Amino acid sequence: ALREGEFVSLDAPDSLLAFERRNADERVLCLFNLDANPIARPLPAGAIPRLTVGDVQEATGSVTLGAFSGLLAV
């Protein structure tokens, strides 16, 4: 999905780059906090964080991205 998938922009505040890559039945959620302030975001049901960069705090059904951090979830 990352290499060959469709790019789907997600609604998010200006400081958060949020999109999905989709290919057939595969989806990868990509979240990047582009600000110095933390930001919280709900995760879709069943999303499993696979890769984090920086300060990322996971909770049931949500994630808080610290300053200039990122997350990939499937």
PDB file of N, CA and C in Angstrom:
ATOM      1  N   ALA A   1       0.821  -1.190   0.000  1.00  0.00           N
ATOM      2  CA  ALA A   1       0.000   0.000   0.000  1.00  0.00           C
ATOM      3  C   ALA A   1       0.869   1.259   0.000  1.00  0.00           C
ATOM      4  N   LEU A   2       2.017   1.234   0.658  1.00  0.00           N
ATOM      5  CA  LEU A   2       2.865   2.430   0.683  1.00  0.00           C
ATOM      6  C   LEU A   2       3.455   2.746  -0.686  1.00  0.00           C
ATOM      7  N   ARG A   3       3.872   1.741  -1.410  1.00  0.00           N
ATOM      8  CA  ARG A   3       4.517   1.975  -2.711  1.00  0.00           C
ATOM      9  C   ARG A   3       3.530   2.167  -3.843  1.00  0.00           C
ATOM     10  N   GLU A   4       2.482   1.366  -3.878  1.00  0.00           N
ATOM     11  CA  GLU A   4       1.601   1.353  -5.042  1.00  0.00           C
ATOM     12  C   GLU A   4       0.183   1.811  -4.738  1.00  0.00           C
ATOM     13  N   GLY A   5      -0.070   2.181  -3.514  1.00  0.00           N
ATOM     14  CA  GLY A   5      -1.430   2.511  -3.129  1.00  0.00           C
ATOM     15  C   GLY A   5      -1.877   3.896  -3.524  1.00  0.00           C
ATOM     16  N   GLU A   6      -3.176   4.089  -3.383  1.00  0.00           N
ATOM     17  CA  GLU A   6      -3.807   5.372  -3.639  1.00  0.00           C
ATOM     18  C   GLU A   6      -3.564   6.277  -2.428  1.00  0.00           C
ATOM     19  N   PHE A   7      -3.314   7.567  -2.668  1.00  0.00           N
ATOM     20  CA  PHE A   7      -3.131   8.558  -1.617  1.00  0.00           C
ATOM     21  C   PHE A   7      -4.495   9.154  -1.281  1.00  0.00           C
ATOM     22  N   VAL A   8      -4.878   9.096   0.005  1.00  0.00           N
ATOM     23  CA  VAL A   8      -6.154   9.651   0.451  1.00  0.00           C
ATOM     24  C   VAL A   8      -5.881  10.610   1.603  1.00  0.00           C
ATOM     25  N   SER A   9      -6.080  11.891   1.362  1.00  0.00           N
ATOM     26  CA  SER A   9      -5.888  12.913   2.387  1.00  0.00           C
ATOM     27  C   SER A   9      -7.006  12.822   3.420  1.00  0.00           C
ATOM     28  N   LEU A  10      -6.656  12.967   4.698  1.00  0.00           N
ATOM     29  CA  LEU A  10      -7.643  12.916   5.779  1.00  0.00           C
ATOM     30  C   LEU A  10      -7.806  14.295   6.396  1.00  0.00           C
ATOM     31  N   ASP A  11      -9.012  14.591   6.856  1.00  0.00           N
ATOM     32  CA  ASP A  11      -9.295  15.856   7.508  1.00  0.00           C
ATOM     33  C   ASP A  11      -8.531  15.929   8.827  1.00  0.00           C
ATOM     34  N   ALA A  12      -7.771  17.013   9.028  1.00  0.00           N
ATOM     35  CA  ALA A  12      -6.961  17.170  10.232  1.00  0.00           C
ATOM     36  C   ALA A  12      -6.603  18.641  10.411  1.00  0.00           C
ATOM     37  N   PRO A  13      -6.229  19.023  11.630  1.00  0.00           N
ATOM     38  CA  PRO A  13      -5.766  20.396  11.850  1.00  0.00           C
ATOM     39  C   PRO A  13      -4.544  20.697  10.985  1.00  0.00           C
ATOM     40  N   ASP A  14      -4.280  21.990  10.775  1.00  0.00           N
ATOM     41  CA  ASP A  14      -3.164  22.396   9.915  1.00  0.00           C
ATOM     42  C   ASP A  14      -1.817  21.832  10.343  1.00  0.00           C
ATOM     43  N   SER A  15      -1.612  21.650  11.635  1.00  0.00           N
ATOM     44  CA  SER A  15      -0.310  21.184  12.122  1.00  0.00           C
ATOM     45  C   SER A  15      -0.131  19.666  11.998  1.00  0.00           C
ATOM     46  N   LEU A  16      -1.162  18.964  11.546  1.00  0.00           N
ATOM     47  CA  LEU A  16      -1.097  17.506  11.433  1.00  0.00           C
ATOM     48  C   LEU A  16      -1.246  17.085   9.972  1.00  0.00           C
ATOM     49  N   LEU A  17      -0.239  16.406   9.466  1.00  0.00           N
ATOM     50  CA  LEU A  17      -0.322  15.806   8.129  1.00  0.00           C
ATOM     51  C   LEU A  17      -0.902  14.412   8.325  1.00  0.00           C
ATOM     52  N   ALA A  18      -2.089  14.186   7.795  1.00  0.00           N
ATOM     53  CA  ALA A  18      -2.788  12.914   7.996  1.00  0.00           C
ATOM     54  C   ALA A  18      -3.282  12.394   6.654  1.00  0.00           C
ATOM     55  N   PHE A  19      -2.876  11.158   6.327  1.00  0.00           N
ATOM     56  CA  PHE A  19      -3.335  10.551   5.089  1.00  0.00           C
ATOM     57  C   PHE A  19      -3.289   9.041   5.216  1.00  0.00           C
ATOM     58  N   GLU A  20      -3.975   8.385   4.281  1.00  0.00           N
ATOM     59  CA  GLU A  20      -3.928   6.925   4.166  1.00  0.00           C
ATOM     60  C   GLU A  20      -3.370   6.563   2.806  1.00  0.00           C
ATOM     61  N   ARG A  21      -2.682   5.442   2.771  1.00  0.00           N
ATOM     62  CA  ARG A  21      -2.300   4.814   1.514  1.00  0.00           C
ATOM     63  C   ARG A  21      -3.132   3.546   1.437  1.00  0.00           C
ATOM     64  N   ARG A  22      -3.850   3.365   0.321  1.00  0.00           N
ATOM     65  CA  ARG A  22      -4.752   2.225   0.158  1.00  0.00           C
ATOM     66  C   ARG A  22      -4.418   1.473  -1.110  1.00  0.00           C
ATOM     67  N   ASN A  23      -4.390   0.149  -0.989  1.00  0.00           N
ATOM     68  CA  ASN A  23      -4.171  -0.722  -2.134  1.00  0.00           C
ATOM     69  C   ASN A  23      -4.952  -2.010  -1.885  1.00  0.00           C
ATOM     70  N   ALA A  24      -5.992  -2.218  -2.677  1.00  0.00           N
ATOM     71  CA  ALA A  24      -6.888  -3.377  -2.506  1.00  0.00           C
ATOM     72  C   ALA A  24      -7.419  -3.364  -1.076  1.00  0.00           C
ATOM     73  N   ASP A  25      -7.147  -4.415  -0.296  1.00  0.00           N
ATOM     74  CA  ASP A  25      -7.649  -4.468   1.076  1.00  0.00           C
ATOM     75  C   ASP A  25      -6.621  -4.009   2.094  1.00  0.00           C
ATOM     76  N   GLU A  26      -5.497  -3.456   1.658  1.00  0.00           N
ATOM     77  CA  GLU A  26      -4.466  -2.946   2.567  1.00  0.00           C
ATOM     78  C   GLU A  26      -4.637  -1.448   2.773  1.00  0.00           C
ATOM     79  N   ARG A  27      -4.446  -1.016   4.031  1.00  0.00           N
ATOM     80  CA  ARG A  27      -4.483   0.408   4.361  1.00  0.00           C
ATOM     81  C   ARG A  27      -3.361   0.716   5.331  1.00  0.00           C
ATOM     82  N   VAL A  28      -2.704   1.833   5.117  1.00  0.00           N
ATOM     83  CA  VAL A  28      -1.685   2.316   6.047  1.00  0.00           C
ATOM     84  C   VAL A  28      -2.048   3.745   6.421  1.00  0.00           C
ATOM     85  N   LEU A  29      -2.282   3.974   7.710  1.00  0.00           N
ATOM     86  CA  LEU A  29      -2.572   5.301   8.225  1.00  0.00           C
ATOM     87  C   LEU A  29      -1.252   5.988   8.547  1.00  0.00           C
ATOM     88  N   CYS A  30      -1.073   7.210   8.056  1.00  0.00           N
ATOM     89  CA  CYS A  30       0.155   7.972   8.263  1.00  0.00           C
ATOM     90  C   CYS A  30      -0.196   9.288   8.939  1.00  0.00           C
ATOM     91  N   LEU A  31       0.377   9.526  10.119  1.00  0.00           N
ATOM     92  CA  LEU A  31       0.139  10.757  10.867  1.00  0.00           C
ATOM     93  C   LEU A  31       1.482  11.393  11.201  1.00  0.00           C
ATOM     94  N   PHE A  32       1.609  12.699  10.936  1.00  0.00           N
ATOM     95  CA  PHE A  32       2.848  13.419  11.216  1.00  0.00           C
ATOM     96  C   PHE A  32       2.513  14.759  11.859  1.00  0.00           C
ATOM     97  N   ASN A  33       2.996  14.967  13.080  1.00  0.00           N
ATOM     98  CA  ASN A  33       2.800  16.235  13.766  1.00  0.00           C
ATOM     99  C   ASN A  33       3.903  17.185  13.302  1.00  0.00           C
ATOM    100  N   LEU A  34       3.527  18.272  12.650  1.00  0.00           N
ATOM    101  CA  LEU A  34       4.487  19.228  12.100  1.00  0.00           C
ATOM    102  C   LEU A  34       4.642  20.451  12.997  1.00  0.00           C
ATOM    103  N   ASP A  35       4.264  20.328  14.262  1.00  0.00           N
ATOM    104  CA  ASP A  35       4.262  21.453  15.186  1.00  0.00           C
ATOM    105  C   ASP A  35       5.037  21.097  16.457  1.00  0.00           C
ATOM    106  N   ALA A  36       5.402  22.120  17.225  1.00  0.00           N
ATOM    107  CA  ALA A  36       6.117  21.909  18.486  1.00  0.00           C
ATOM    108  C   ALA A  36       5.173  21.511  19.620  1.00  0.00           C
ATOM    109  N   ASN A  37       3.861  21.646  19.412  1.00  0.00           N
ATOM    110  CA  ASN A  37       2.883  21.284  20.436  1.00  0.00           C
ATOM    111  C   ASN A  37       2.317  19.894  20.173  1.00  0.00           C
ATOM    112  N   PRO A  38       2.098  19.107  21.238  1.00  0.00           N
ATOM    113  CA  PRO A  38       1.498  17.778  21.060  1.00  0.00           C
ATOM    114  C   PRO A  38       0.090  17.885  20.492  1.00  0.00           C
ATOM    115  N   ILE A  39      -0.338  16.826  19.825  1.00  0.00           N
ATOM    116  CA  ILE A  39      -1.696  16.779  19.274  1.00  0.00           C
ATOM    117  C   ILE A  39      -2.251  15.363  19.442  1.00  0.00           C
ATOM    118  N   ALA A  40      -3.503  15.285  19.870  1.00  0.00           N
ATOM    119  CA  ALA A  40      -4.161  13.993  20.061  1.00  0.00           C
ATOM    120  C   ALA A  40      -5.053  13.710  18.865  1.00  0.00           C
ATOM    121  N   ARG A  41      -5.163  12.436  18.536  1.00  0.00           N
ATOM    122  CA  ARG A  41      -5.953  12.024  17.369  1.00  0.00           C
ATOM    123  C   ARG A  41      -6.553  10.647  17.652  1.00  0.00           C
ATOM    124  N   PRO A  42      -7.849  10.468  17.370  1.00  0.00           N
ATOM    125  CA  PRO A  42      -8.410   9.120  17.500  1.00  0.00           C
ATOM    126  C   PRO A  42      -7.853   8.211  16.403  1.00  0.00           C
ATOM    127  N   LEU A  43      -7.750   6.945  16.719  1.00  0.00           N
ATOM    128  CA  LEU A  43      -7.336   5.954  15.729  1.00  0.00           C
ATOM    129  C   LEU A  43      -8.557   5.188  15.246  1.00  0.00           C
ATOM    130  N   PRO A  44      -8.602   4.839  13.975  1.00  0.00           N
ATOM    131  CA  PRO A  44      -9.724   4.021  13.484  1.00  0.00           C
ATOM    132  C   PRO A  44      -9.767   2.672  14.212  1.00  0.00           C
ATOM    133  N   ALA A  45     -10.941   2.126  14.346  1.00  0.00           N
ATOM    134  CA  ALA A  45     -11.096   0.823  14.998  1.00  0.00           C
ATOM    135  C   ALA A  45     -10.207  -0.208  14.322  1.00  0.00           C
ATOM    136  N   GLY A  46      -9.464  -0.934  15.105  1.00  0.00           N
ATOM    137  CA  GLY A  46      -8.600  -1.993  14.581  1.00  0.00           C
ATOM    138  C   GLY A  46      -7.239  -1.531  14.108  1.00  0.00           C
ATOM    139  N   ALA A  47      -6.973  -0.221  14.103  1.00  0.00           N
ATOM    140  CA  ALA A  47      -5.661   0.266  13.659  1.00  0.00           C
ATOM    141  C   ALA A  47      -4.588  -0.126  14.665  1.00  0.00           C
ATOM    142  N   ILE A  48      -3.493  -0.675  14.145  1.00  0.00           N
ATOM    143  CA  ILE A  48      -2.386  -1.128  14.986  1.00  0.00           C
ATOM    144  C   ILE A  48      -1.143  -0.322  14.628  1.00  0.00           C
ATOM    145  N   PRO A  49      -0.637   0.509  15.552  1.00  0.00           N
ATOM    146  CA  PRO A  49       0.597   1.246  15.270  1.00  0.00           C
ATOM    147  C   PRO A  49       1.759   0.282  15.007  1.00  0.00           C
ATOM    148  N   ARG A  50       2.484   0.509  13.907  1.00  0.00           N
ATOM    149  CA  ARG A  50       3.596  -0.357  13.529  1.00  0.00           C
ATOM    150  C   ARG A  50       4.943   0.345  13.586  1.00  0.00           C
ATOM    151  N   LEU A  51       4.933   1.667  13.356  1.00  0.00           N
ATOM    152  CA  LEU A  51       6.184   2.423  13.346  1.00  0.00           C
ATOM    153  C   LEU A  51       5.923   3.794  13.931  1.00  0.00           C
ATOM    154  N   THR A  52       6.736   4.195  14.894  1.00  0.00           N
ATOM    155  CA  THR A  52       6.627   5.536  15.457  1.00  0.00           C
ATOM    156  C   THR A  52       7.994   6.200  15.395  1.00  0.00           C
ATOM    157  N   VAL A  53       7.948   7.522  15.274  1.00  0.00           N
ATOM    158  CA  VAL A  53       9.165   8.330  15.272  1.00  0.00           C
ATOM    159  C   VAL A  53       8.934   9.465  16.246  1.00  0.00           C
ATOM    160  N   GLY A  54       9.819   9.617  17.218  1.00  0.00           N
ATOM    161  CA  GLY A  54       9.666  10.676  18.207  1.00  0.00           C
ATOM    162  C   GLY A  54       8.778  10.244  19.351  1.00  0.00           C
ATOM    163  N   ASP A  55       8.202  11.221  20.028  1.00  0.00           N
ATOM    164  CA  ASP A  55       7.376  11.000  21.211  1.00  0.00           C
ATOM    165  C   ASP A  55       5.938  10.700  20.803  1.00  0.00           C
ATOM    166  N   VAL A  56       5.562   9.432  20.833  1.00  0.00           N
ATOM    167  CA  VAL A  56       4.206   9.014  20.477  1.00  0.00           C
ATOM    168  C   VAL A  56       3.658   8.198  21.640  1.00  0.00           C
ATOM    169  N   GLN A  57       2.536   8.648  22.188  1.00  0.00           N
ATOM    170  CA  GLN A  57       1.891   7.972  23.311  1.00  0.00           C
ATOM    171  C   GLN A  57       0.604   7.333  22.820  1.00  0.00           C
ATOM    172  N   GLU A  58       0.529   6.015  22.957  1.00  0.00           N
ATOM    173  CA  GLU A  58      -0.654   5.285  22.512  1.00  0.00           C
ATOM    174  C   GLU A  58      -1.591   5.039  23.684  1.00  0.00           C
ATOM    175  N   ALA A  59      -2.891   5.161  23.423  1.00  0.00           N
ATOM    176  CA  ALA A  59      -3.928   4.821  24.388  1.00  0.00           C
ATOM    177  C   ALA A  59      -4.993   4.053  23.617  1.00  0.00           C
ATOM    178  N   THR A  60      -5.909   3.453  24.320  1.00  0.00           N
ATOM    179  CA  THR A  60      -6.968   2.696  23.654  1.00  0.00           C
ATOM    180  C   THR A  60      -7.779   3.618  22.749  1.00  0.00           C
ATOM    181  N   GLY A  61      -7.707   3.371  21.458  1.00  0.00           N
ATOM    182  CA  GLY A  61      -8.494   4.113  20.499  1.00  0.00           C
ATOM    183  C   GLY A  61      -7.974   5.487  20.120  1.00  0.00           C
ATOM    184  N   SER A  62      -6.805   5.882  20.654  1.00  0.00           N
ATOM    185  CA  SER A  62      -6.271   7.194  20.310  1.00  0.00           C
ATOM    186  C   SER A  62      -4.755   7.207  20.427  1.00  0.00           C
ATOM    187  N   VAL A  63      -4.184   8.295  19.953  1.00  0.00           N
ATOM    188  CA  VAL A  63      -2.740   8.466  20.012  1.00  0.00           C
ATOM    189  C   VAL A  63      -2.454   9.952  20.234  1.00  0.00           C
ATOM    190  N   THR A  64      -1.403  10.254  20.982  1.00  0.00           N
ATOM    191  CA  THR A  64      -0.934  11.627  21.143  1.00  0.00           C
ATOM    192  C   THR A  64       0.449  11.710  20.531  1.00  0.00           C
ATOM    193  N   LEU A  65       0.579  12.575  19.547  1.00  0.00           N
ATOM    194  CA  LEU A  65       1.852  12.772  18.864  1.00  0.00           C
ATOM    195  C   LEU A  65       2.547  13.969  19.479  1.00  0.00           C
ATOM    196  N   GLY A  66       3.757  13.761  19.977  1.00  0.00           N
ATOM    197  CA  GLY A  66       4.543  14.847  20.532  1.00  0.00           C
ATOM    198  C   GLY A  66       5.087  15.720  19.408  1.00  0.00           C
ATOM    199  N   ALA A  67       5.880  16.702  19.784  1.00  0.00           N
ATOM    200  CA  ALA A  67       6.448  17.637  18.823  1.00  0.00           C
ATOM    201  C   ALA A  67       7.194  16.919  17.706  1.00  0.00           C
ATOM    202  N   PHE A  68       6.862  17.230  16.487  1.00  0.00           N
ATOM    203  CA  PHE A  68       7.566  16.740  15.290  1.00  0.00           C
ATOM    204  C   PHE A  68       7.737  15.219  15.284  1.00  0.00           C
ATOM    205  N   SER A  69       6.665  14.512  15.605  1.00  0.00           N
ATOM    206  CA  SER A  69       6.710  13.046  15.641  1.00  0.00           C
ATOM    207  C   SER A  69       5.772  12.477  14.573  1.00  0.00           C
ATOM    208  N   GLY A  70       5.846  11.152  14.403  1.00  0.00           N
ATOM    209  CA  GLY A  70       5.026  10.518  13.389  1.00  0.00           C
ATOM    210  C   GLY A  70       4.640   9.105  13.754  1.00  0.00           C
ATOM    211  N   LEU A  71       3.658   8.588  13.023  1.00  0.00           N
ATOM    212  CA  LEU A  71       3.121   7.254  13.276  1.00  0.00           C
ATOM    213  C   LEU A  71       2.626   6.651  11.983  1.00  0.00           C
ATOM    214  N   LEU A  72       2.923   5.376  11.787  1.00  0.00           N
ATOM    215  CA  LEU A  72       2.329   4.576  10.717  1.00  0.00           C
ATOM    216  C   LEU A  72       1.570   3.437  11.379  1.00  0.00           C
ATOM    217  N   ALA A  73       0.321   3.253  10.990  1.00  0.00           N
ATOM    218  CA  ALA A  73      -0.507   2.191  11.568  1.00  0.00           C
ATOM    219  C   ALA A  73      -1.202   1.421  10.465  1.00  0.00           C
ATOM    220  N   VAL A  74      -1.420   0.131  10.709  1.00  0.00           N
ATOM    221  CA  VAL A  74      -2.140  -0.712   9.755  1.00  0.00           C
ATOM    222  C   VAL A  74      -3.403  -1.242  10.389  1.00  0.00           C
TER     223      VAL A  74
END
